[in-house]
Amino acid sequence: MDPNARLRNLMVMALADGSLGEREVQFVTDRCSELGLGEHELREAIRFALEESSSIELPDNPADADSLLADLLKMMAADGMLDEGEKRLFAICAAKLGFGSQEIDSLVNRLMKK
């Protein structure tokens, strides 16, 4: 998945609960650096996520799907709270990527132990 799309996805999830906390900012900033992106790309991702028409771009590749869901879950957990809007968005993404409820539970359990 394109690093810019990944960053946009993270920002959409970060804003799904209507706020952006310090730990969420830290997580997305760190992830931005890991993806090899800079301040300009981060600003563009924030601008994208603030648009009413923003949505998460889902990958076609199964490995990218697993990786995206991992990033989204980490983004959700960054502020220490799992908001209902975030959980709903995560579940919709997982379902659209072909994950069943047992697979989602397994993924969540595996990722939350890391």
PDB file of N, CA and C in Angstrom:
ATOM      1  N   MET A   1       0.843  -1.173   0.000  1.00  0.00           N
ATOM      2  CA  MET A   1       0.000   0.000   0.000  1.00  0.00           C
ATOM      3  C   MET A   1       0.892   1.242   0.000  1.00  0.00           C
ATOM      4  N   ASP A   2       0.485   2.202  -0.756  1.00  0.00           N
ATOM      5  CA  ASP A   2       1.189   3.478  -0.864  1.00  0.00           C
ATOM      6  C   ASP A   2       1.315   4.121   0.526  1.00  0.00           C
ATOM      7  N   PRO A   3       2.523   4.571   0.909  1.00  0.00           N
ATOM      8  CA  PRO A   3       2.711   5.173   2.239  1.00  0.00           C
ATOM      9  C   PRO A   3       1.795   6.372   2.506  1.00  0.00           C
ATOM     10  N   ASN A   4       1.535   7.179   1.484  1.00  0.00           N
ATOM     11  CA  ASN A   4       0.640   8.326   1.671  1.00  0.00           C
ATOM     12  C   ASN A   4      -0.784   7.867   1.981  1.00  0.00           C
ATOM     13  N   ALA A   5      -1.229   6.812   1.293  1.00  0.00           N
ATOM     14  CA  ALA A   5      -2.562   6.268   1.566  1.00  0.00           C
ATOM     15  C   ALA A   5      -2.616   5.693   2.975  1.00  0.00           C
ATOM     16  N   ARG A   6      -1.543   5.027   3.385  1.00  0.00           N
ATOM     17  CA  ARG A   6      -1.494   4.469   4.743  1.00  0.00           C
ATOM     18  C   ARG A   6      -1.621   5.589   5.772  1.00  0.00           C
ATOM     19  N   LEU A   7      -0.890   6.677   5.573  1.00  0.00           N
ATOM     20  CA  LEU A   7      -0.941   7.803   6.498  1.00  0.00           C
ATOM     21  C   LEU A   7      -2.334   8.439   6.509  1.00  0.00           C
ATOM     22  N   ARG A   8      -2.941   8.595   5.339  1.00  0.00           N
ATOM     23  CA  ARG A   8      -4.304   9.140   5.285  1.00  0.00           C
ATOM     24  C   ARG A   8      -5.260   8.244   6.070  1.00  0.00           C
ATOM     25  N   ASN A   9      -5.120   6.921   5.902  1.00  0.00           N
ATOM     26  CA  ASN A   9      -5.969   5.976   6.626  1.00  0.00           C
ATOM     27  C   ASN A   9      -5.817   6.138   8.137  1.00  0.00           C
ATOM     28  N   LEU A  10      -4.585   6.285   8.588  1.00  0.00           N
ATOM     29  CA  LEU A  10      -4.342   6.458  10.017  1.00  0.00           C
ATOM     30  C   LEU A  10      -4.998   7.736  10.536  1.00  0.00           C
ATOM     31  N   MET A  11      -4.934   8.798   9.755  1.00  0.00           N
ATOM     32  CA  MET A  11      -5.534  10.058  10.183  1.00  0.00           C
ATOM     33  C   MET A  11      -7.056   9.961  10.203  1.00  0.00           C
ATOM     34  N   VAL A  12      -7.641   9.260   9.253  1.00  0.00           N
ATOM     35  CA  VAL A  12      -9.100   9.068   9.273  1.00  0.00           C
ATOM     36  C   VAL A  12      -9.493   8.332  10.551  1.00  0.00           C
ATOM     37  N   MET A  13      -8.740   7.282  10.903  1.00  0.00           N
ATOM     38  CA  MET A  13      -9.037   6.545  12.137  1.00  0.00           C
ATOM     39  C   MET A  13      -8.793   7.419  13.354  1.00  0.00           C
ATOM     40  N   ALA A  14      -7.720   8.194  13.342  1.00  0.00           N
ATOM     41  CA  ALA A  14      -7.394   9.045  14.496  1.00  0.00           C
ATOM     42  C   ALA A  14      -8.518  10.035  14.779  1.00  0.00           C
ATOM     43  N   LEU A  15      -9.171  10.511  13.746  1.00  0.00           N
ATOM     44  CA  LEU A  15     -10.227  11.510  13.917  1.00  0.00           C
ATOM     45  C   LEU A  15     -11.623  10.894  14.005  1.00  0.00           C
ATOM     46  N   ALA A  16     -11.717   9.568  13.969  1.00  0.00           N
ATOM     47  CA  ALA A  16     -13.024   8.900  14.000  1.00  0.00           C
ATOM     48  C   ALA A  16     -13.776   9.162  15.301  1.00  0.00           C
ATOM     49  N   ASP A  17     -13.041   9.447  16.378  1.00  0.00           N
ATOM     50  CA  ASP A  17     -13.705   9.717  17.653  1.00  0.00           C
ATOM     51  C   ASP A  17     -13.932  11.210  17.877  1.00  0.00           C
ATOM     52  N   GLY A  18     -13.602  12.018  16.890  1.00  0.00           N
ATOM     53  CA  GLY A  18     -13.857  13.448  16.965  1.00  0.00           C
ATOM     54  C   GLY A  18     -12.787  14.269  17.645  1.00  0.00           C
ATOM     55  N   SER A  19     -11.706  13.623  18.082  1.00  0.00           N
ATOM     56  CA  SER A  19     -10.626  14.371  18.721  1.00  0.00           C
ATOM     57  C   SER A  19      -9.282  13.739  18.373  1.00  0.00           C
ATOM     58  N   LEU A  20      -8.232  14.473  18.653  1.00  0.00           N
ATOM     59  CA  LEU A  20      -6.882  13.998  18.376  1.00  0.00           C
ATOM     60  C   LEU A  20      -6.030  14.291  19.602  1.00  0.00           C
ATOM     61  N   GLY A  21      -5.747  13.244  20.373  1.00  0.00           N
ATOM     62  CA  GLY A  21      -4.986  13.396  21.602  1.00  0.00           C
ATOM     63  C   GLY A  21      -3.488  13.383  21.367  1.00  0.00           C
ATOM     64  N   GLU A  22      -2.765  13.736  22.405  1.00  0.00           N
ATOM     65  CA  GLU A  22      -1.302  13.827  22.327  1.00  0.00           C
ATOM     66  C   GLU A  22      -0.663  12.491  21.932  1.00  0.00           C
ATOM     67  N   ARG A  23      -1.135  11.394  22.524  1.00  0.00           N
ATOM     68  CA  ARG A  23      -0.551  10.082  22.204  1.00  0.00           C
ATOM     69  C   ARG A  23      -0.891   9.647  20.777  1.00  0.00           C
ATOM     70  N   GLU A  24      -2.058  10.045  20.296  1.00  0.00           N
ATOM     71  CA  GLU A  24      -2.405   9.757  18.912  1.00  0.00           C
ATOM     72  C   GLU A  24      -1.506  10.538  17.955  1.00  0.00           C
ATOM     73  N   VAL A  25      -1.265  11.796  18.294  1.00  0.00           N
ATOM     74  CA  VAL A  25      -0.365  12.627  17.480  1.00  0.00           C
ATOM     75  C   VAL A  25       1.029  12.000  17.461  1.00  0.00           C
ATOM     76  N   GLN A  26       1.496  11.544  18.621  1.00  0.00           N
ATOM     77  CA  GLN A  26       2.819  10.928  18.706  1.00  0.00           C
ATOM     78  C   GLN A  26       2.880   9.657  17.853  1.00  0.00           C
ATOM     79  N   PHE A  27       1.830   8.823  17.936  1.00  0.00           N
ATOM     80  CA  PHE A  27       1.823   7.593  17.158  1.00  0.00           C
ATOM     81  C   PHE A  27       1.858   7.890  15.654  1.00  0.00           C
ATOM     82  N   VAL A  28       1.017   8.799  15.208  1.00  0.00           N
ATOM     83  CA  VAL A  28       0.944   9.079  13.774  1.00  0.00           C
ATOM     84  C   VAL A  28       2.225   9.772  13.293  1.00  0.00           C
ATOM     85  N   THR A  29       2.835  10.591  14.136  1.00  0.00           N
ATOM     86  CA  THR A  29       4.103  11.237  13.777  1.00  0.00           C
ATOM     87  C   THR A  29       5.216  10.199  13.643  1.00  0.00           C
ATOM     88  N   ASP A  30       5.273   9.284  14.602  1.00  0.00           N
ATOM     89  CA  ASP A  30       6.267   8.206  14.530  1.00  0.00           C
ATOM     90  C   ASP A  30       6.044   7.340  13.296  1.00  0.00           C
ATOM     91  N   ARG A  31       4.787   7.006  13.033  1.00  0.00           N
ATOM     92  CA  ARG A  31       4.471   6.147  11.880  1.00  0.00           C
ATOM     93  C   ARG A  31       4.812   6.872  10.581  1.00  0.00           C
ATOM     94  N   CYS A  32       4.607   8.157  10.541  1.00  0.00           N
ATOM     95  CA  CYS A  32       4.942   8.979   9.380  1.00  0.00           C
ATOM     96  C   CYS A  32       6.432   8.862   9.075  1.00  0.00           C
ATOM     97  N   SER A  33       7.262   8.984  10.098  1.00  0.00           N
ATOM     98  CA  SER A  33       8.714   8.851   9.938  1.00  0.00           C
ATOM     99  C   SER A  33       9.085   7.454   9.457  1.00  0.00           C
ATOM    100  N   GLU A  34       8.450   6.430  10.062  1.00  0.00           N
ATOM    101  CA  GLU A  34       8.720   5.043   9.659  1.00  0.00           C
ATOM    102  C   GLU A  34       8.369   4.795   8.202  1.00  0.00           C
ATOM    103  N   LEU A  35       7.348   5.486   7.715  1.00  0.00           N
ATOM    104  CA  LEU A  35       6.917   5.332   6.322  1.00  0.00           C
ATOM    105  C   LEU A  35       7.778   6.160   5.364  1.00  0.00           C
ATOM    106  N   GLY A  36       8.716   6.947   5.919  1.00  0.00           N
ATOM    107  CA  GLY A  36       9.592   7.770   5.086  1.00  0.00           C
ATOM    108  C   GLY A  36       8.923   9.042   4.588  1.00  0.00           C
ATOM    109  N   LEU A  37       7.902   9.484   5.299  1.00  0.00           N
ATOM    110  CA  LEU A  37       7.166  10.680   4.906  1.00  0.00           C
ATOM    111  C   LEU A  37       7.526  11.837   5.817  1.00  0.00           C
ATOM    112  N   GLY A  38       7.260  13.041   5.330  1.00  0.00           N
ATOM    113  CA  GLY A  38       7.624  14.230   6.084  1.00  0.00           C
ATOM    114  C   GLY A  38       6.435  15.061   6.504  1.00  0.00           C
ATOM    115  N   GLU A  39       6.737  16.260   6.943  1.00  0.00           N
ATOM    116  CA  GLU A  39       5.725  17.173   7.469  1.00  0.00           C
ATOM    117  C   GLU A  39       4.666  17.534   6.428  1.00  0.00           C
ATOM    118  N   HIS A  40       5.093  17.721   5.186  1.00  0.00           N
ATOM    119  CA  HIS A  40       4.144  18.075   4.125  1.00  0.00           C
ATOM    120  C   HIS A  40       3.100  16.972   3.950  1.00  0.00           C
ATOM    121  N   GLU A  41       3.550  15.728   3.892  1.00  0.00           N
ATOM    122  CA  GLU A  41       2.630  14.600   3.718  1.00  0.00           C
ATOM    123  C   GLU A  41       1.700  14.457   4.927  1.00  0.00           C
ATOM    124  N   LEU A  42       2.239  14.737   6.107  1.00  0.00           N
ATOM    125  CA  LEU A  42       1.416  14.679   7.312  1.00  0.00           C
ATOM    126  C   LEU A  42       0.323  15.739   7.267  1.00  0.00           C
ATOM    127  N   ARG A  43       0.680  16.948   6.864  1.00  0.00           N
ATOM    128  CA  ARG A  43      -0.325  18.014   6.744  1.00  0.00           C
ATOM    129  C   ARG A  43      -1.403  17.654   5.732  1.00  0.00           C
ATOM    130  N   GLU A  44      -0.980  17.068   4.611  1.00  0.00           N
ATOM    131  CA  GLU A  44      -1.941  16.648   3.582  1.00  0.00           C
ATOM    132  C   GLU A  44      -2.869  15.553   4.105  1.00  0.00           C
ATOM    133  N   ALA A  45      -2.330  14.624   4.883  1.00  0.00           N
ATOM    134  CA  ALA A  45      -3.144  13.553   5.457  1.00  0.00           C
ATOM    135  C   ALA A  45      -4.165  14.123   6.445  1.00  0.00           C
ATOM    136  N   ILE A  46      -3.747  15.092   7.232  1.00  0.00           N
ATOM    137  CA  ILE A  46      -4.665  15.731   8.183  1.00  0.00           C
ATOM    138  C   ILE A  46      -5.766  16.458   7.423  1.00  0.00           C
ATOM    139  N   ARG A  47      -5.374  17.196   6.399  1.00  0.00           N
ATOM    140  CA  ARG A  47      -6.356  17.923   5.578  1.00  0.00           C
ATOM    141  C   ARG A  47      -7.362  16.940   4.967  1.00  0.00           C
ATOM    142  N   PHE A  48      -6.859  15.814   4.446  1.00  0.00           N
ATOM    143  CA  PHE A  48      -7.729  14.795   3.854  1.00  0.00           C
ATOM    144  C   PHE A  48      -8.708  14.254   4.889  1.00  0.00           C
ATOM    145  N   ALA A  49      -8.204  13.907   6.088  1.00  0.00           N
ATOM    146  CA  ALA A  49      -9.036  13.293   7.120  1.00  0.00           C
ATOM    147  C   ALA A  49     -10.116  14.243   7.633  1.00  0.00           C
ATOM    148  N   LEU A  50      -9.875  15.536   7.547  1.00  0.00           N
ATOM    149  CA  LEU A  50     -10.854  16.517   8.011  1.00  0.00           C
ATOM    150  C   LEU A  50     -11.981  16.751   7.011  1.00  0.00           C
ATOM    151  N   GLU A  51     -11.819  16.287   5.774  1.00  0.00           N
ATOM    152  CA  GLU A  51     -12.865  16.441   4.766  1.00  0.00           C
ATOM    153  C   GLU A  51     -14.033  15.517   5.102  1.00  0.00           C
ATOM    154  N   GLU A  52     -15.242  15.990   4.873  1.00  0.00           N
ATOM    155  CA  GLU A  52     -16.417  15.167   5.159  1.00  0.00           C
ATOM    156  C   GLU A  52     -16.458  13.907   4.311  1.00  0.00           C
ATOM    157  N   SER A  53     -15.878  13.958   3.137  1.00  0.00           N
ATOM    158  CA  SER A  53     -15.923  12.815   2.224  1.00  0.00           C
ATOM    159  C   SER A  53     -14.754  11.843   2.427  1.00  0.00           C
ATOM    160  N   SER A  54     -13.939  12.075   3.449  1.00  0.00           N
ATOM    161  CA  SER A  54     -12.775  11.207   3.657  1.00  0.00           C
ATOM    162  C   SER A  54     -13.225   9.794   4.032  1.00  0.00           C
ATOM    163  N   SER A  55     -12.429   8.835   3.594  1.00  0.00           N
ATOM    164  CA  SER A  55     -12.707   7.443   3.921  1.00  0.00           C
ATOM    165  C   SER A  55     -11.396   6.671   3.911  1.00  0.00           C
ATOM    166  N   ILE A  56     -11.446   5.473   4.452  1.00  0.00           N
ATOM    167  CA  ILE A  56     -10.263   4.625   4.473  1.00  0.00           C
ATOM    168  C   ILE A  56     -10.151   3.891   3.150  1.00  0.00           C
ATOM    169  N   GLU A  57      -8.960   3.932   2.585  1.00  0.00           N
ATOM    170  CA  GLU A  57      -8.675   3.236   1.321  1.00  0.00           C
ATOM    171  C   GLU A  57      -8.229   1.821   1.664  1.00  0.00           C
ATOM    172  N   LEU A  58      -8.959   0.843   1.167  1.00  0.00           N
ATOM    173  CA  LEU A  58      -8.651  -0.545   1.479  1.00  0.00           C
ATOM    174  C   LEU A  58      -7.761  -1.161   0.406  1.00  0.00           C
ATOM    175  N   PRO A  59      -6.752  -1.915   0.822  1.00  0.00           N
ATOM    176  CA  PRO A  59      -5.828  -2.542  -0.134  1.00  0.00           C
ATOM    177  C   PRO A  59      -6.425  -3.819  -0.746  1.00  0.00           C
ATOM    178  N   ASP A  60      -5.869  -4.237  -1.883  1.00  0.00           N
ATOM    179  CA  ASP A  60      -6.286  -5.472  -2.542  1.00  0.00           C
ATOM    180  C   ASP A  60      -5.464  -6.654  -2.033  1.00  0.00           C
ATOM    181  N   ASN A  61      -4.246  -6.394  -1.642  1.00  0.00           N
ATOM    182  CA  ASN A  61      -3.299  -7.426  -1.228  1.00  0.00           C
ATOM    183  C   ASN A  61      -3.600  -7.891   0.204  1.00  0.00           C
ATOM    184  N   PRO A  62      -3.741  -9.211   0.432  1.00  0.00           N
ATOM    185  CA  PRO A  62      -4.040  -9.710   1.781  1.00  0.00           C
ATOM    186  C   PRO A  62      -2.993  -9.326   2.832  1.00  0.00           C
ATOM    187  N   ALA A  63      -1.719  -9.319   2.469  1.00  0.00           N
ATOM    188  CA  ALA A  63      -0.674  -8.925   3.426  1.00  0.00           C
ATOM    189  C   ALA A  63      -0.837  -7.459   3.811  1.00  0.00           C
ATOM    190  N   ASP A  64      -1.166  -6.627   2.844  1.00  0.00           N
ATOM    191  CA  ASP A  64      -1.405  -5.208   3.128  1.00  0.00           C
ATOM    192  C   ASP A  64      -2.646  -5.032   3.989  1.00  0.00           C
ATOM    193  N   ALA A  65      -3.649  -5.888   3.783  1.00  0.00           N
ATOM    194  CA  ALA A  65      -4.880  -5.809   4.568  1.00  0.00           C
ATOM    195  C   ALA A  65      -4.581  -6.083   6.036  1.00  0.00           C
ATOM    196  N   ASP A  66      -3.824  -7.125   6.309  1.00  0.00           N
ATOM    197  CA  ASP A  66      -3.461  -7.481   7.674  1.00  0.00           C
ATOM    198  C   ASP A  66      -2.649  -6.354   8.314  1.00  0.00           C
ATOM    199  N   SER A  67      -1.702  -5.820   7.568  1.00  0.00           N
ATOM    200  CA  SER A  67      -0.854  -4.739   8.053  1.00  0.00           C
ATOM    201  C   SER A  67      -1.666  -3.467   8.318  1.00  0.00           C
ATOM    202  N   LEU A  68      -2.603  -3.159   7.420  1.00  0.00           N
ATOM    203  CA  LEU A  68      -3.445  -1.974   7.611  1.00  0.00           C
ATOM    204  C   LEU A  68      -4.291  -2.124   8.868  1.00  0.00           C
ATOM    205  N   LEU A  69      -4.913  -3.281   9.040  1.00  0.00           N
ATOM    206  CA  LEU A  69      -5.738  -3.484  10.230  1.00  0.00           C
ATOM    207  C   LEU A  69      -4.899  -3.375  11.503  1.00  0.00           C
ATOM    208  N   ALA A  70      -3.671  -3.860  11.447  1.00  0.00           N
ATOM    209  CA  ALA A  70      -2.771  -3.734  12.598  1.00  0.00           C
ATOM    210  C   ALA A  70      -2.507  -2.264  12.910  1.00  0.00           C
ATOM    211  N   ASP A  71      -2.218  -1.475  11.876  1.00  0.00           N
ATOM    212  CA  ASP A  71      -1.979  -0.047  12.074  1.00  0.00           C
ATOM    213  C   ASP A  71      -3.223   0.653  12.616  1.00  0.00           C
ATOM    214  N   LEU A  72      -4.390   0.315  12.058  1.00  0.00           N
ATOM    215  CA  LEU A  72      -5.626   0.952  12.509  1.00  0.00           C
ATOM    216  C   LEU A  72      -5.907   0.629  13.969  1.00  0.00           C
ATOM    217  N   LEU A  73      -5.664  -0.612  14.351  1.00  0.00           N
ATOM    218  CA  LEU A  73      -5.894  -1.011  15.739  1.00  0.00           C
ATOM    219  C   LEU A  73      -4.933  -0.281  16.678  1.00  0.00           C
ATOM    220  N   LYS A  74      -3.687  -0.173  16.271  1.00  0.00           N
ATOM    221  CA  LYS A  74      -2.710   0.555  17.093  1.00  0.00           C
ATOM    222  C   LYS A  74      -3.103   2.027  17.216  1.00  0.00           C
ATOM    223  N   MET A  75      -3.621   2.585  16.125  1.00  0.00           N
ATOM    224  CA  MET A  75      -4.069   3.978  16.152  1.00  0.00           C
ATOM    225  C   MET A  75      -5.235   4.123  17.114  1.00  0.00           C
ATOM    226  N   MET A  76      -6.166   3.172  17.076  1.00  0.00           N
ATOM    227  CA  MET A  76      -7.317   3.202  17.972  1.00  0.00           C
ATOM    228  C   MET A  76      -6.889   3.165  19.433  1.00  0.00           C
ATOM    229  N   ALA A  77      -5.897   2.340  19.720  1.00  0.00           N
ATOM    230  CA  ALA A  77      -5.458   2.121  21.099  1.00  0.00           C
ATOM    231  C   ALA A  77      -4.470   3.176  21.590  1.00  0.00           C
ATOM    232  N   ALA A  78      -3.992   4.027  20.703  1.00  0.00           N
ATOM    233  CA  ALA A  78      -2.938   4.987  21.066  1.00  0.00           C
ATOM    234  C   ALA A  78      -3.334   5.896  22.216  1.00  0.00           C
ATOM    235  N   ASP A  79      -4.605   6.278  22.281  1.00  0.00           N
ATOM    236  CA  ASP A  79      -5.022   7.186  23.350  1.00  0.00           C
ATOM    237  C   ASP A  79      -5.520   6.449  24.592  1.00  0.00           C
ATOM    238  N   GLY A  80      -5.436   5.124  24.569  1.00  0.00           N
ATOM    239  CA  GLY A  80      -5.838   4.331  25.732  1.00  0.00           C
ATOM    240  C   GLY A  80      -7.329   4.085  25.840  1.00  0.00           C
ATOM    241  N   MET A  81      -8.089   4.567  24.851  1.00  0.00           N
ATOM    242  CA  MET A  81      -9.544   4.372  24.854  1.00  0.00           C
ATOM    243  C   MET A  81      -9.988   3.868  23.487  1.00  0.00           C
ATOM    244  N   LEU A  82     -10.901   2.921  23.488  1.00  0.00           N
ATOM    245  CA  LEU A  82     -11.464   2.434  22.234  1.00  0.00           C
ATOM    246  C   LEU A  82     -12.876   2.998  22.099  1.00  0.00           C
ATOM    247  N   ASP A  83     -12.999   4.032  21.310  1.00  0.00           N
ATOM    248  CA  ASP A  83     -14.260   4.715  21.079  1.00  0.00           C
ATOM    249  C   ASP A  83     -15.175   3.859  20.197  1.00  0.00           C
ATOM    250  N   GLU A  84     -16.480   3.971  20.390  1.00  0.00           N
ATOM    251  CA  GLU A  84     -17.444   3.193  19.598  1.00  0.00           C
ATOM    252  C   GLU A  84     -17.322   3.502  18.107  1.00  0.00           C
ATOM    253  N   GLY A  85     -17.102   4.762  17.757  1.00  0.00           N
ATOM    254  CA  GLY A  85     -16.941   5.133  16.351  1.00  0.00           C
ATOM    255  C   GLY A  85     -15.712   4.483  15.737  1.00  0.00           C
ATOM    256  N   GLU A  86     -14.633   4.432  16.509  1.00  0.00           N
ATOM    257  CA  GLU A  86     -13.409   3.780  16.038  1.00  0.00           C
ATOM    258  C   GLU A  86     -13.632   2.285  15.855  1.00  0.00           C
ATOM    259  N   LYS A  87     -14.288   1.667  16.844  1.00  0.00           N
ATOM    260  CA  LYS A  87     -14.542   0.223  16.748  1.00  0.00           C
ATOM    261  C   LYS A  87     -15.425  -0.105  15.548  1.00  0.00           C
ATOM    262  N   ARG A  88     -16.426   0.720  15.320  1.00  0.00           N
ATOM    263  CA  ARG A  88     -17.330   0.509  14.182  1.00  0.00           C
ATOM    264  C   ARG A  88     -16.568   0.643  12.861  1.00  0.00           C
ATOM    265  N   LEU A  89     -15.727   1.673  12.750  1.00  0.00           N
ATOM    266  CA  LEU A  89     -14.937   1.878  11.535  1.00  0.00           C
ATOM    267  C   LEU A  89     -13.985   0.704  11.311  1.00  0.00           C
ATOM    268  N   PHE A  90     -13.340   0.246  12.374  1.00  0.00           N
ATOM    269  CA  PHE A  90     -12.437  -0.895  12.277  1.00  0.00           C
ATOM    270  C   PHE A  90     -13.186  -2.138  11.814  1.00  0.00           C
ATOM    271  N   ALA A  91     -14.347  -2.398  12.393  1.00  0.00           N
ATOM    272  CA  ALA A  91     -15.132  -3.579  12.034  1.00  0.00           C
ATOM    273  C   ALA A  91     -15.588  -3.529  10.580  1.00  0.00           C
ATOM    274  N   ILE A  92     -15.986  -2.356  10.126  1.00  0.00           N
ATOM    275  CA  ILE A  92     -16.405  -2.204   8.725  1.00  0.00           C
ATOM    276  C   ILE A  92     -15.236  -2.484   7.798  1.00  0.00           C
ATOM    277  N   CYS A  93     -14.063  -1.923   8.102  1.00  0.00           N
ATOM    278  CA  CYS A  93     -12.874  -2.156   7.274  1.00  0.00           C
ATOM    279  C   CYS A  93     -12.522  -3.640   7.252  1.00  0.00           C
ATOM    280  N   ALA A  94     -12.516  -4.266   8.415  1.00  0.00           N
ATOM    281  CA  ALA A  94     -12.169  -5.683   8.504  1.00  0.00           C
ATOM    282  C   ALA A  94     -13.156  -6.538   7.712  1.00  0.00           C
ATOM    283  N   ALA A  95     -14.434  -6.232   7.830  1.00  0.00           N
ATOM    284  CA  ALA A  95     -15.453  -6.999   7.105  1.00  0.00           C
ATOM    285  C   ALA A  95     -15.303  -6.818   5.599  1.00  0.00           C
ATOM    286  N   LYS A  96     -15.063  -5.587   5.159  1.00  0.00           N
ATOM    287  CA  LYS A  96     -14.886  -5.332   3.729  1.00  0.00           C
ATOM    288  C   LYS A  96     -13.633  -6.013   3.187  1.00  0.00           C
ATOM    289  N   LEU A  97     -12.658  -6.250   4.055  1.00  0.00           N
ATOM    290  CA  LEU A  97     -11.432  -6.937   3.647  1.00  0.00           C
ATOM    291  C   LEU A  97     -11.587  -8.457   3.712  1.00  0.00           C
ATOM    292  N   GLY A  98     -12.784  -8.912   4.087  1.00  0.00           N
ATOM    293  CA  GLY A  98     -13.060 -10.337   4.087  1.00  0.00           C
ATOM    294  C   GLY A  98     -12.781 -11.056   5.396  1.00  0.00           C
ATOM    295  N   PHE A  99     -12.554 -10.328   6.464  1.00  0.00           N
ATOM    296  CA  PHE A  99     -12.304 -10.938   7.762  1.00  0.00           C
ATOM    297  C   PHE A  99     -13.636 -11.232   8.435  1.00  0.00           C
ATOM    298  N   GLY A 100     -13.815 -12.451   8.907  1.00  0.00           N
ATOM    299  CA  GLY A 100     -15.000 -12.819   9.672  1.00  0.00           C
ATOM    300  C   GLY A 100     -14.822 -12.415  11.121  1.00  0.00           C
ATOM    301  N   SER A 101     -15.877 -12.551  11.911  1.00  0.00           N
ATOM    302  CA  SER A 101     -15.809 -12.103  13.308  1.00  0.00           C
ATOM    303  C   SER A 101     -14.750 -12.866  14.099  1.00  0.00           C
ATOM    304  N   GLN A 102     -14.596 -14.169  13.844  1.00  0.00           N
ATOM    305  CA  GLN A 102     -13.561 -14.931  14.559  1.00  0.00           C
ATOM    306  C   GLN A 102     -12.164 -14.468  14.152  1.00  0.00           C
ATOM    307  N   GLU A 103     -11.985 -14.182  12.856  1.00  0.00           N
ATOM    308  CA  GLU A 103     -10.682 -13.690  12.380  1.00  0.00           C
ATOM    309  C   GLU A 103     -10.377 -12.318  12.971  1.00  0.00           C
ATOM    310  N   ILE A 104     -11.403 -11.483  13.082  1.00  0.00           N
ATOM    311  CA  ILE A 104     -11.212 -10.150  13.667  1.00  0.00           C
ATOM    312  C   ILE A 104     -10.817 -10.287  15.130  1.00  0.00           C
ATOM    313  N   ASP A 105     -11.532 -11.138  15.872  1.00  0.00           N
ATOM    314  CA  ASP A 105     -11.204 -11.364  17.282  1.00  0.00           C
ATOM    315  C   ASP A 105      -9.776 -11.880  17.436  1.00  0.00           C
ATOM    316  N   SER A 106      -9.400 -12.823  16.585  1.00  0.00           N
ATOM    317  CA  SER A 106      -8.051 -13.390  16.631  1.00  0.00           C
ATOM    318  C   SER A 106      -7.005 -12.317  16.340  1.00  0.00           C
ATOM    319  N   LEU A 107      -7.265 -11.500  15.330  1.00  0.00           N
ATOM    320  CA  LEU A 107      -6.361 -10.420  14.959  1.00  0.00           C
ATOM    321  C   LEU A 107      -6.223  -9.419  16.107  1.00  0.00           C
ATOM    322  N   VAL A 108      -7.331  -9.021  16.677  1.00  0.00           N
ATOM    323  CA  VAL A 108      -7.307  -8.074  17.794  1.00  0.00           C
ATOM    324  C   VAL A 108      -6.522  -8.655  18.961  1.00  0.00           C
ATOM    325  N   ASN A 109      -6.809  -9.909  19.317  1.00  0.00           N
ATOM    326  CA  ASN A 109      -6.092 -10.548  20.426  1.00  0.00           C
ATOM    327  C   ASN A 109      -4.599 -10.628  20.160  1.00  0.00           C
ATOM    328  N   ARG A 110      -4.227 -10.999  18.942  1.00  0.00           N
ATOM    329  CA  ARG A 110      -2.808 -11.132  18.586  1.00  0.00           C
ATOM    330  C   ARG A 110      -2.107  -9.774  18.640  1.00  0.00           C
ATOM    331  N   LEU A 111      -2.749  -8.750  18.095  1.00  0.00           N
ATOM    332  CA  LEU A 111      -2.126  -7.432  18.018  1.00  0.00           C
ATOM    333  C   LEU A 111      -2.065  -6.735  19.377  1.00  0.00           C
ATOM    334  N   MET A 112      -3.045  -6.974  20.218  1.00  0.00           N
ATOM    335  CA  MET A 112      -3.059  -6.311  21.508  1.00  0.00           C
ATOM    336  C   MET A 112      -2.042  -6.918  22.469  1.00  0.00           C
ATOM    337  N   LYS A 113      -1.520  -8.100  22.153  1.00  0.00           N
ATOM    338  CA  LYS A 113      -0.496  -8.727  23.000  1.00  0.00           C
ATOM    339  C   LYS A 113       0.901  -8.255  22.653  1.00  0.00           C
ATOM    340  N   LYS A 114       1.053  -7.577  21.515  1.00  0.00           N
ATOM    341  CA  LYS A 114       2.391  -7.123  21.081  1.00  0.00           C
ATOM    342  C   LYS A 114       2.842  -5.963  21.911  1.00  0.00           C
TER     343      LYS A 114
END
